């Protein structure tokens, strides 16, 4: 969606189509803040940050294989663990993730992690809350190196960190299923990473911020209600849950 469309839609919500009361530069700031809010509330910008597949480059998303070609995405490699290193800032994935996804500025959450165990095996890692990883896994802190099999995060937002345990003994290819934040829009030439239909909620949150700034709290609450209704409708099919262990019940199959 173009920045001018966001500004026009937000101005209509403010009963200010001619921008007589809200400067466009300020409304642009509120639109970008609203886009951030939509991205955080819905997790609508998703990507898989992948290293070199053990099956060859053609197995990566973004290369022209049947069902795997994604416009504008180039093959990516060298997204690997570092031997002996257990913590990886989200920023470690940013160079790859931003290159894969135009109009984004960084990873804000990780939903799923897979790490190669060599050869043709790349299992999904068990997720643990940080306090449990600290209490039950990292308490064994001397000489524990192998292929990682569990992970946790510590921190918030773009400054978050991902931990794996045990610390990897070799460099292994990783895949992170990531949620990303959008880059701000400053002109119609900037690419909007908020996908359809999620961008339809942006105008309501931007109008909410504008009404709050002018102490029109009742109208601001009306916009918040419209926003919640909109994202509740368009995000109903989104599943951001994490599975602690994909393989625990494998024997029943």
Protein backbone atom coordinates (compact mmCIF):
# COMPACT_ATOMS: atom_id res chain seq x y z
CA UNK A 1 0.00 0.00 0.00
CA UNK A 2 1.27 3.50 -0.80
CA UNK A 3 2.06 6.03 1.91
CA UNK A 4 -0.37 8.49 0.31
CA UNK A 5 -3.17 5.91 0.64
CA UNK A 6 -2.40 5.44 4.33
CA UNK A 7 -2.39 9.21 4.84
CA UNK A 8 -5.66 9.72 2.96
CA UNK A 9 -7.45 6.91 4.82
CA UNK A 10 -6.21 8.15 8.19
CA UNK A 11 -7.20 11.72 7.41
CA UNK A 12 -10.72 10.57 6.58
CA UNK A 13 -10.94 8.88 9.99
CA UNK A 14 -9.94 12.24 11.51
CA UNK A 15 -12.55 14.18 9.46
CA UNK A 16 -9.61 16.13 8.02
CA UNK A 17 -9.39 15.09 4.38
CA UNK A 18 -7.67 18.35 3.44
CA UNK A 19 -5.03 17.97 6.22
CA UNK A 20 -5.94 21.33 7.70
CA UNK A 21 -5.47 20.29 11.33
CA UNK A 22 -2.88 17.52 11.24
CA UNK A 23 0.41 18.17 9.38
CA UNK A 24 1.30 15.43 6.93
CA UNK A 25 4.73 14.92 8.52
CA UNK A 26 3.11 14.17 11.89
CA UNK A 27 0.45 11.93 10.37
CA UNK A 28 3.25 10.06 8.57
CA UNK A 29 4.89 9.38 11.94
CA UNK A 30 1.62 8.06 13.34
CA UNK A 31 1.03 5.90 10.27
CA UNK A 32 4.46 4.30 10.69
CA UNK A 33 3.83 3.75 14.39
CA UNK A 34 0.50 2.15 13.48
CA UNK A 35 2.22 -0.13 10.96
CA UNK A 36 4.58 -1.25 13.72
CA UNK A 37 1.58 -1.91 15.97
CA UNK A 38 -0.13 -4.04 13.33
CA UNK A 39 3.07 -6.02 12.72
CA UNK A 40 3.53 -6.70 16.43
CA UNK A 41 -0.11 -7.55 17.14
CA UNK A 42 -0.60 -9.89 14.18
CA UNK A 43 2.85 -11.22 13.28
CA UNK A 44 1.85 -10.69 9.66
CA UNK A 45 5.38 -10.31 8.27
CA UNK A 46 6.90 -13.80 8.36
CA UNK A 47 9.98 -15.29 6.73
CA UNK A 48 12.17 -18.35 7.05
CA UNK A 49 15.83 -17.38 7.39
CA UNK A 50 17.73 -20.33 5.99
CA UNK A 51 21.32 -21.39 5.58
CA UNK A 52 22.75 -23.65 2.91
CA UNK A 53 20.49 -26.69 2.72
CA UNK A 54 22.23 -30.07 3.13
CA UNK A 55 20.33 -31.13 -0.01
CA UNK A 56 21.90 -28.37 -2.12
CA UNK A 57 21.11 -24.77 -2.98
CA UNK A 58 18.10 -25.79 -5.07
CA UNK A 59 16.27 -26.86 -1.90
CA UNK A 60 16.15 -23.31 -0.59
CA UNK A 61 13.06 -21.14 -0.83
CA UNK A 62 13.70 -18.43 -3.35
CA UNK A 63 15.33 -20.56 -6.02
CA UNK A 64 13.38 -21.54 -9.14
CA UNK A 65 12.23 -25.00 -8.15
CA UNK A 66 8.59 -26.10 -8.50
CA UNK A 67 6.61 -24.30 -5.83
CA UNK A 68 9.70 -22.70 -4.33
CA UNK A 69 10.27 -19.55 -6.36
CA UNK A 70 9.54 -16.32 -4.51
CA UNK A 71 9.78 -13.08 -6.47
CA UNK A 72 12.57 -10.77 -5.36
CA UNK A 73 14.27 -13.29 -3.06
CA UNK A 74 17.80 -14.39 -3.79
CA UNK A 75 19.42 -17.63 -2.61
CA UNK A 76 21.01 -17.26 0.81
CA UNK A 77 23.77 -19.26 2.46
CA UNK A 78 26.06 -19.26 5.48
CA UNK A 79 23.38 -18.90 8.15
CA UNK A 80 25.17 -21.26 10.51
CA UNK A 81 25.80 -21.89 14.17
CA UNK A 82 29.24 -20.97 15.51
CA UNK A 83 31.09 -23.74 17.35
CA UNK A 84 30.96 -23.14 21.09
CA UNK A 85 28.51 -20.22 20.83
CA UNK A 86 25.14 -20.65 22.52
CA UNK A 87 23.60 -17.18 22.08
CA UNK A 88 22.65 -15.49 18.79
CA UNK A 89 21.16 -11.96 18.74
CA UNK A 90 18.17 -11.56 16.46
CA UNK A 91 20.35 -9.08 14.58
CA UNK A 92 22.46 -12.07 13.49
CA UNK A 93 19.58 -13.01 11.18
CA UNK A 94 18.88 -9.48 9.99
CA UNK A 95 21.30 -9.36 7.08
CA UNK A 96 19.74 -12.47 5.57
CA UNK A 97 16.15 -11.69 6.57
CA UNK A 98 16.17 -8.11 5.27
CA UNK A 99 17.77 -9.24 2.01
CA UNK A 100 14.98 -11.79 1.61
CA UNK A 101 12.17 -9.39 2.50
CA UNK A 102 12.03 -5.94 0.96
CA UNK A 103 10.56 -3.25 3.19
CA UNK A 104 11.55 -4.79 6.53
CA UNK A 105 13.94 -3.54 9.19
CA UNK A 106 14.61 -6.48 11.48
CA UNK A 107 13.55 -9.66 13.25
CA UNK A 108 11.36 -9.11 16.32
CA UNK A 109 10.39 -12.70 17.15
CA UNK A 110 11.37 -16.27 16.32
CA UNK A 111 8.63 -18.88 16.13
CA UNK A 112 10.51 -22.01 15.20
CA UNK A 113 14.14 -23.16 14.91
CA UNK A 114 15.68 -26.08 13.01
CA UNK A 115 19.39 -26.94 13.11
CA UNK A 116 21.20 -29.46 10.94
CA UNK A 117 22.65 -32.49 12.67
CA UNK A 118 24.76 -33.30 9.65
CA UNK A 119 23.96 -35.24 6.51
CA UNK A 120 20.25 -35.25 5.69
CA UNK A 121 18.93 -34.61 9.22
CA UNK A 122 17.75 -31.14 10.29
CA UNK A 123 15.31 -31.59 13.20
CA UNK A 124 13.07 -28.88 14.61
CA UNK A 125 14.43 -27.87 18.01
CA UNK A 126 12.48 -28.22 21.25
CA UNK A 127 11.36 -24.84 22.57
CA UNK A 128 11.71 -23.99 26.28
CA UNK A 129 10.91 -20.84 28.26
CA UNK A 130 14.12 -19.03 29.14
CA UNK A 131 13.85 -19.72 32.88
CA UNK A 132 13.51 -23.47 32.26
CA UNK A 133 16.44 -23.52 29.85
CA UNK A 134 18.49 -21.72 32.50
CA UNK A 135 17.38 -24.03 35.31
CA UNK A 136 17.40 -27.43 33.62
CA UNK A 137 19.82 -27.18 30.70
CA UNK A 138 22.39 -24.42 31.23
CA UNK A 139 23.06 -25.63 34.79
CA UNK A 140 25.35 -28.16 33.04
CA UNK A 141 27.80 -25.46 32.07
CA UNK A 142 31.15 -27.24 31.71
CA UNK A 143 32.19 -29.00 28.54
CA UNK A 144 28.71 -29.64 27.11
CA UNK A 145 29.06 -29.40 23.33
CA UNK A 146 27.06 -31.32 20.76
CA UNK A 147 24.29 -30.79 18.20
CA UNK A 148 21.72 -28.41 19.78
CA UNK A 149 18.26 -29.80 20.46
CA UNK A 150 16.46 -27.02 22.38
CA UNK A 151 16.19 -23.24 22.25
CA UNK A 152 14.81 -20.23 24.10
CA UNK A 153 14.74 -16.45 23.76
CA UNK A 154 15.67 -13.75 26.25
CA UNK A 155 14.94 -10.07 25.75
CA UNK A 156 12.31 -8.12 23.87
CA UNK A 157 11.70 -6.84 20.37
CA UNK A 158 14.51 -6.20 17.94
CA UNK A 159 17.07 -6.53 20.75
CA UNK A 160 16.04 -10.10 21.61
CA UNK A 161 18.48 -13.02 21.70
CA UNK A 162 18.11 -16.68 20.80
CA UNK A 163 19.87 -19.35 22.89
CA UNK A 164 20.55 -22.92 21.83
CA UNK A 165 21.56 -25.85 24.02
CA UNK A 166 23.86 -27.62 24.12
CA UNK A 167 26.36 -25.24 22.55
CA UNK A 168 27.14 -26.47 19.04
CA UNK A 169 30.33 -28.44 18.57
CA UNK A 170 30.49 -27.75 14.82
CA UNK A 171 29.16 -25.14 12.40
CA UNK A 172 25.67 -26.31 11.42
CA UNK A 173 23.13 -24.85 9.03
CA UNK A 174 20.13 -23.19 10.75
CA UNK A 175 16.61 -22.20 9.80
CA UNK A 176 14.63 -19.63 11.81
CA UNK A 177 10.93 -19.01 11.24
CA UNK A 178 10.88 -15.28 11.99
CA UNK A 179 8.42 -12.46 12.53
CA UNK A 180 9.70 -9.12 11.25
CA UNK A 181 9.08 -5.41 11.70
CA UNK A 182 8.35 -3.14 8.72
CA UNK A 183 10.67 -0.40 7.56
CA UNK A 184 9.11 3.09 7.82
CA UNK A 185 7.49 4.72 4.81
CA UNK A 186 8.66 8.22 3.87
CA UNK A 187 7.34 8.42 0.30
CA UNK A 188 5.30 6.44 -2.22
CA UNK A 189 8.56 5.00 -3.53
CA UNK A 190 9.09 3.04 -0.31
CA UNK A 191 7.89 -0.56 -0.32
CA UNK A 192 5.21 -1.52 2.19
CA UNK A 193 5.85 -4.96 3.73
CA UNK A 194 2.49 -5.07 5.55
CA UNK A 195 0.54 -7.64 3.50
CA UNK A 196 -3.06 -7.52 2.39
CA UNK A 197 -5.45 -7.53 4.23
CA UNK A 198 -3.55 -6.47 7.37
CA UNK A 199 -2.82 -2.94 6.15
CA UNK A 200 -6.54 -2.15 6.43
CA UNK A 201 -6.17 -1.78 10.23
CA UNK A 202 -3.40 0.84 10.06
CA UNK A 203 -5.68 3.85 9.59
CA UNK A 204 -7.58 3.11 12.80
CA UNK A 205 -4.49 3.03 15.01
CA UNK A 206 -3.04 6.12 13.34
CA UNK A 207 -6.32 7.96 13.95
CA UNK A 208 -6.29 6.74 17.55
CA UNK A 209 -2.86 8.33 18.09
CA UNK A 210 -4.01 11.58 16.47
CA UNK A 211 -7.14 11.78 18.64
CA UNK A 212 -5.11 11.07 21.77
CA UNK A 213 -2.74 13.91 20.85
CA UNK A 214 -5.66 16.33 20.76
CA UNK A 215 -7.20 14.97 24.00
CA UNK A 216 -10.25 13.54 22.19
CA UNK A 217 -10.19 10.39 24.27
CA UNK A 218 -13.67 9.17 23.37
CA UNK A 219 -12.97 9.27 19.66
CA UNK A 220 -9.60 7.64 20.29
CA UNK A 221 -11.33 4.75 22.06
CA UNK A 222 -13.72 4.39 19.11
CA UNK A 223 -10.71 4.04 16.79
CA UNK A 224 -9.09 1.48 19.10
CA UNK A 225 -12.28 -0.59 19.04
CA UNK A 226 -12.37 -0.45 15.26
CA UNK A 227 -8.70 -1.45 15.18
CA UNK A 228 -9.23 -4.44 17.46
CA UNK A 229 -12.23 -5.54 15.42
CA UNK A 230 -10.25 -5.28 12.18
CA UNK A 231 -7.17 -7.22 13.31
CA UNK A 232 -9.40 -9.77 15.03
CA UNK A 233 -11.09 -10.39 11.70
CA UNK A 234 -8.05 -10.56 9.46
CA UNK A 235 -5.78 -12.37 11.94
CA UNK A 236 -8.27 -15.08 12.88
CA UNK A 237 -6.45 -17.69 10.84
CA UNK A 238 -2.99 -16.79 12.14
CA UNK A 239 -1.32 -19.34 14.44
CA UNK A 240 1.70 -18.02 16.33
CA UNK A 241 1.83 -20.78 18.95
CA UNK A 242 4.98 -22.72 19.67
CA UNK A 243 5.17 -26.49 19.99
CA UNK A 244 7.53 -27.54 22.82
CA UNK A 245 8.38 -30.90 21.22
CA UNK A 246 7.31 -32.06 17.76
CA UNK A 247 8.63 -35.57 18.30
CA UNK A 248 7.40 -36.50 21.79
CA UNK A 249 4.46 -38.59 20.53
CA UNK A 250 6.09 -39.91 17.39
CA UNK A 251 5.80 -43.53 18.59
CA UNK A 252 2.02 -43.41 18.43
CA UNK A 253 2.21 -43.08 14.65
